[in-house]
């Protein structure tokens, strides 16, 4: 599935695998072999709940919203008269409220607790290979299920030109229990542009990062539109509707040729 794309040819790719009996190591091995940003295993658990188990090529993840959109699209294909359902995540048992509105699928989540961490401007700048003065304030953590370090830059040109230390970011993330860095800048009003760094290879950079959009909306305390993936040739738009500590993150999800 292609998720969050602005048209039927763009989006962040996710593979949905239904009712697999594979073990966790086998699932990770399968994800490593695929040319997709994420793989989600979609199945009924022992309690009869619809459960999602997420894998990137290099690790298992507690939450991936573009893969959740993909699973939601598959569910609504199977149940064309339904407009709502509920999923739970495999790692933490987090509840995800899924809603279909026209061509968009929305995932309802709540703000989650983050690790105790104070953002460090100098360390963050070194990992991003930029100057500390390029940062607009102190980086901060926010989470809707997968904690992100949110880093605001002063200029869109700096964002587009980033060539960060991906191995260093991955090592820092493991040490602090954080799911990478999301670097963004404000375009106008409540419209932002961003890039996600949570993979070891530049070619696996996310064209869209739903958990970051939700975390950013929670951190800012308002609804936002997040633009991502243009430089990768996969233009994406992520909507995040914020209200009282909860957020709906959504966009389009369409089938793509394997």
Protein backbone atom coordinates (compact mmCIF):
# COMPACT_ATOMS: atom_id res chain seq x y z
CA UNK A 1 0.00 0.00 0.00
CA UNK A 2 1.08 3.63 -0.63
CA UNK A 3 0.11 5.80 2.33
CA UNK A 4 -0.27 9.58 2.83
CA UNK A 5 0.42 10.23 -0.89
CA UNK A 6 -0.95 13.34 -2.59
CA UNK A 7 -1.94 11.20 -5.59
CA UNK A 8 -2.28 7.51 -6.45
CA UNK A 9 1.37 7.25 -7.55
CA UNK A 10 3.03 8.66 -4.42
CA UNK A 11 3.19 7.75 -0.76
CA UNK A 12 5.09 5.84 1.89
CA UNK A 13 5.13 2.13 1.04
CA UNK A 14 3.92 -0.47 3.53
CA UNK A 15 3.46 -4.20 3.10
CA UNK A 16 0.49 -5.80 4.89
CA UNK A 17 0.82 -9.50 5.77
CA UNK A 18 -2.38 -11.15 6.98
CA UNK A 19 -2.64 -13.99 9.52
CA UNK A 20 1.01 -15.06 9.58
CA UNK A 21 2.26 -17.73 11.99
CA UNK A 22 5.87 -16.55 11.71
CA UNK A 23 7.92 -15.90 14.83
CA UNK A 24 9.36 -12.45 15.59
CA UNK A 25 12.82 -13.28 14.10
CA UNK A 26 11.14 -14.65 10.96
CA UNK A 27 9.03 -11.50 10.63
CA UNK A 28 12.08 -9.28 10.98
CA UNK A 29 13.94 -11.35 8.38
CA UNK A 30 11.01 -10.97 5.97
CA UNK A 31 10.92 -7.20 6.55
CA UNK A 32 14.65 -6.98 5.82
CA UNK A 33 14.12 -8.66 2.47
CA UNK A 34 11.41 -6.23 1.32
CA UNK A 35 11.88 -2.95 -0.51
CA UNK A 36 9.35 -1.12 1.67
CA UNK A 37 9.70 1.35 4.53
CA UNK A 38 7.57 -0.82 6.81
CA UNK A 39 5.89 -4.22 7.05
CA UNK A 40 2.87 -4.80 9.28
CA UNK A 41 1.53 -8.20 10.32
CA UNK A 42 -2.26 -8.01 10.66
CA UNK A 43 -4.03 -10.74 12.63
CA UNK A 44 -6.57 -11.58 15.30
CA UNK A 45 -5.00 -12.14 18.73
CA UNK A 46 -6.10 -14.61 21.43
CA UNK A 47 -8.71 -12.13 22.67
CA UNK A 48 -10.20 -11.76 19.20
CA UNK A 49 -8.86 -8.22 18.75
CA UNK A 50 -7.40 -7.03 15.44
CA UNK A 51 -3.69 -6.75 16.21
CA UNK A 52 -0.86 -5.02 14.35
CA UNK A 53 2.83 -5.97 14.65
CA UNK A 54 5.22 -3.50 12.95
CA UNK A 55 8.67 -4.04 11.45
CA UNK A 56 11.18 -1.77 9.74
CA UNK A 57 14.03 -3.37 7.78
CA UNK A 58 16.32 -2.99 10.79
CA UNK A 59 14.05 -3.38 13.84
CA UNK A 60 10.61 -4.09 15.30
CA UNK A 61 8.61 -0.97 16.16
CA UNK A 62 5.90 -0.26 18.76
CA UNK A 63 3.91 1.88 16.29
CA UNK A 64 3.96 2.91 12.64
CA UNK A 65 1.06 5.04 11.47
CA UNK A 66 1.56 4.73 7.73
CA UNK A 67 1.50 0.94 8.16
CA UNK A 68 -1.63 1.37 10.29
CA UNK A 69 -3.23 3.29 7.41
CA UNK A 70 -2.30 0.39 5.12
CA UNK A 71 -3.91 -2.16 7.44
CA UNK A 72 -6.96 0.09 7.74
CA UNK A 73 -7.30 0.24 3.96
CA UNK A 74 -7.13 -3.57 3.76
CA UNK A 75 -9.77 -3.87 6.49
CA UNK A 76 -12.17 -1.50 4.72
CA UNK A 77 -11.63 -3.42 1.46
CA UNK A 78 -12.76 -6.55 3.30
CA UNK A 79 -15.66 -4.70 4.97
CA UNK A 80 -16.90 -2.10 2.42
CA UNK A 81 -19.91 -1.06 4.53
CA UNK A 82 -17.87 -0.31 7.65
CA UNK A 83 -16.55 3.16 8.45
CA UNK A 84 -14.96 2.49 11.84
CA UNK A 85 -12.92 -0.21 13.53
CA UNK A 86 -10.34 -0.63 16.30
CA UNK A 87 -6.85 -2.11 16.26
CA UNK A 88 -4.41 -2.87 19.08
CA UNK A 89 -0.63 -2.87 18.79
CA UNK A 90 1.33 -6.05 19.44
CA UNK A 91 4.19 -4.60 21.49
CA UNK A 92 2.37 -2.35 23.96
CA UNK A 93 -1.32 -3.12 23.50
CA UNK A 94 -2.04 0.47 22.47
CA UNK A 95 -5.59 1.05 21.18
CA UNK A 96 -5.94 2.68 17.76
CA UNK A 97 -9.33 4.03 16.68
CA UNK A 98 -9.67 3.79 12.88
CA UNK A 99 -12.15 5.89 10.90
CA UNK A 100 -12.80 6.19 7.17
CA UNK A 101 -13.88 9.59 5.84
CA UNK A 102 -14.22 9.65 2.06
CA UNK A 103 -10.84 8.74 0.55
CA UNK A 104 -8.97 9.35 3.80
CA UNK A 105 -8.34 7.06 6.74
CA UNK A 106 -7.84 8.60 10.20
CA UNK A 107 -6.07 6.95 13.13
CA UNK A 108 -7.10 8.19 16.57
CA UNK A 109 -4.41 8.09 19.27
CA UNK A 110 -3.64 9.76 22.58
CA UNK A 111 -0.53 11.46 23.89
CA UNK A 112 1.89 9.00 25.53
CA UNK A 113 4.54 9.42 28.19
CA UNK A 114 8.09 10.01 26.98
CA UNK A 115 11.48 9.09 28.44
CA UNK A 116 13.02 11.66 30.77
CA UNK A 117 15.33 13.58 28.47
CA UNK A 118 16.40 17.20 28.07
CA UNK A 119 17.16 18.21 24.49
CA UNK A 120 20.76 19.18 23.82
CA UNK A 121 21.27 21.74 21.04
CA UNK A 122 24.99 21.07 20.51
CA UNK A 123 24.68 17.26 20.47
CA UNK A 124 21.66 17.38 18.16
CA UNK A 125 23.46 19.76 15.77
CA UNK A 126 26.48 17.43 15.62
CA UNK A 127 24.32 14.43 14.76
CA UNK A 128 22.55 16.44 12.06
CA UNK A 129 25.89 17.87 10.84
CA UNK A 130 24.72 21.47 11.05
CA UNK A 131 25.51 24.48 13.23
CA UNK A 132 23.72 24.98 16.57
CA UNK A 133 22.47 28.34 15.27
CA UNK A 134 20.48 26.47 12.60
CA UNK A 135 18.18 25.14 15.34
CA UNK A 136 15.13 27.18 16.35
CA UNK A 137 15.16 26.49 20.07
CA UNK A 138 15.77 23.40 22.20
CA UNK A 139 14.74 20.00 20.73
CA UNK A 140 11.90 18.35 22.62
CA UNK A 141 10.35 14.92 22.97
CA UNK A 142 6.75 14.03 22.23
CA UNK A 143 4.98 10.74 21.63
CA UNK A 144 1.71 9.21 20.53
CA UNK A 145 3.18 5.72 20.93
CA UNK A 146 6.69 5.95 19.45
CA UNK A 147 8.75 8.80 21.00
CA UNK A 148 10.30 11.29 18.58
CA UNK A 149 12.88 13.99 19.20
CA UNK A 150 11.35 17.02 17.46
CA UNK A 151 13.95 19.39 16.05
CA UNK A 152 12.87 22.70 14.51
CA UNK A 153 15.17 24.45 12.04
CA UNK A 154 15.25 28.13 11.21
CA UNK A 155 15.33 27.80 7.41
CA UNK A 156 13.68 25.41 4.91
CA UNK A 157 16.91 25.34 2.87
CA UNK A 158 18.75 23.78 5.83
CA UNK A 159 16.08 21.09 6.10
CA UNK A 160 16.35 20.15 2.42
CA UNK A 161 20.15 19.99 2.53
CA UNK A 162 20.49 17.76 5.62
CA UNK A 163 22.88 14.80 5.39
CA UNK A 164 22.92 13.62 9.00
CA UNK A 165 24.93 10.98 10.82
CA UNK A 166 22.36 8.18 10.53
CA UNK A 167 24.41 5.62 12.46
CA UNK A 168 24.99 8.16 15.23
CA UNK A 169 21.28 9.00 15.41
CA UNK A 170 20.39 5.30 15.59
CA UNK A 171 22.91 4.72 18.38
CA UNK A 172 21.70 7.79 20.30
CA UNK A 173 18.08 6.66 19.86
CA UNK A 174 18.78 3.18 21.27
CA UNK A 175 20.52 4.64 24.31
CA UNK A 176 17.63 6.97 25.12
CA UNK A 177 14.63 4.85 24.12
CA UNK A 178 13.66 7.27 21.34
CA UNK A 179 12.46 6.48 17.81
CA UNK A 180 14.82 8.77 15.92
CA UNK A 181 14.75 12.49 15.11
CA UNK A 182 12.07 14.37 13.24
CA UNK A 183 13.43 17.61 11.80
CA UNK A 184 10.94 20.23 10.62
CA UNK A 185 10.34 23.88 9.81
CA UNK A 186 7.26 26.05 9.59
CA UNK A 187 6.06 26.98 6.10
CA UNK A 188 3.04 29.14 6.94
CA UNK A 189 0.28 29.26 9.54
CA UNK A 190 -0.24 25.62 10.63
CA UNK A 191 1.58 24.08 7.65
CA UNK A 192 4.96 22.46 8.27
CA UNK A 193 7.55 20.57 6.23
CA UNK A 194 9.64 17.79 7.75
CA UNK A 195 12.06 14.89 7.40
CA UNK A 196 12.39 11.77 9.53
CA UNK A 197 15.72 10.14 10.45
CA UNK A 198 15.18 6.69 11.93
CA UNK A 199 16.87 4.37 9.42
CA UNK A 200 20.44 3.36 8.74
CA UNK A 201 20.36 3.89 4.97
CA UNK A 202 19.53 7.17 3.17
CA UNK A 203 17.40 5.31 0.59
CA UNK A 204 15.02 4.23 3.37
CA UNK A 205 14.15 7.76 4.49
CA UNK A 206 10.40 8.04 5.12
CA UNK A 207 8.35 9.99 2.56
CA UNK A 208 5.78 10.43 5.35
CA UNK A 209 5.92 9.91 9.12
CA UNK A 210 2.52 9.78 10.80
CA UNK A 211 3.81 9.27 14.36
CA UNK A 212 5.90 12.43 13.97
CA UNK A 213 2.93 14.42 12.68
CA UNK A 214 0.90 13.33 15.68
CA UNK A 215 3.75 14.00 18.11
CA UNK A 216 4.29 17.46 16.62
CA UNK A 217 0.58 18.32 16.84
CA UNK A 218 0.57 17.23 20.49
CA UNK A 219 3.74 19.23 21.20
CA UNK A 220 2.34 22.37 19.54
CA UNK A 221 -1.13 21.85 21.00
CA UNK A 222 -2.94 22.42 17.69
CA UNK A 223 -3.97 20.81 14.42
CA UNK A 224 -1.38 20.86 11.65
CA UNK A 225 -0.73 19.81 8.06
CA UNK A 226 2.66 18.21 7.47
CA UNK A 227 4.32 18.10 4.03
CA UNK A 228 7.02 15.49 3.43
CA UNK A 229 8.67 13.39 0.73
CA UNK A 230 8.86 15.95 -2.10
CA UNK A 231 12.64 15.67 -2.45
CA UNK A 232 12.30 11.87 -2.56
CA UNK A 233 9.86 11.99 -5.46
CA UNK A 234 7.06 10.78 -3.18
CA UNK A 235 5.10 13.90 -2.20
CA UNK A 236 2.99 13.24 0.89
CA UNK A 237 0.56 15.16 3.05
CA UNK A 238 -0.21 14.11 6.62
CA UNK A 239 -3.15 15.64 8.49
CA UNK A 240 -3.08 15.79 12.29
CA UNK A 241 -6.25 16.94 14.06
CA UNK A 242 -5.52 17.82 17.68
CA UNK A 243 -7.95 18.14 20.57
CA UNK A 244 -7.34 17.92 24.34
CA UNK A 245 -4.29 15.66 24.28
CA UNK A 246 -5.70 13.36 21.59
CA UNK A 247 -5.02 13.48 17.87
CA UNK A 248 -6.32 11.96 14.67
CA UNK A 249 -3.59 11.38 12.09
CA UNK A 250 -4.69 10.61 8.57
CA UNK A 251 -4.36 10.65 4.84
CA UNK A 252 -4.85 8.49 1.76
CA UNK A 253 -3.92 4.83 1.33
CA UNK A 254 -4.01 3.09 -2.06
CA UNK A 255 -2.85 -0.23 -3.46
CA UNK A 256 0.45 -0.29 -5.31
CA UNK A 257 1.95 -2.87 -7.63
CA UNK A 258 4.35 -5.22 -5.85
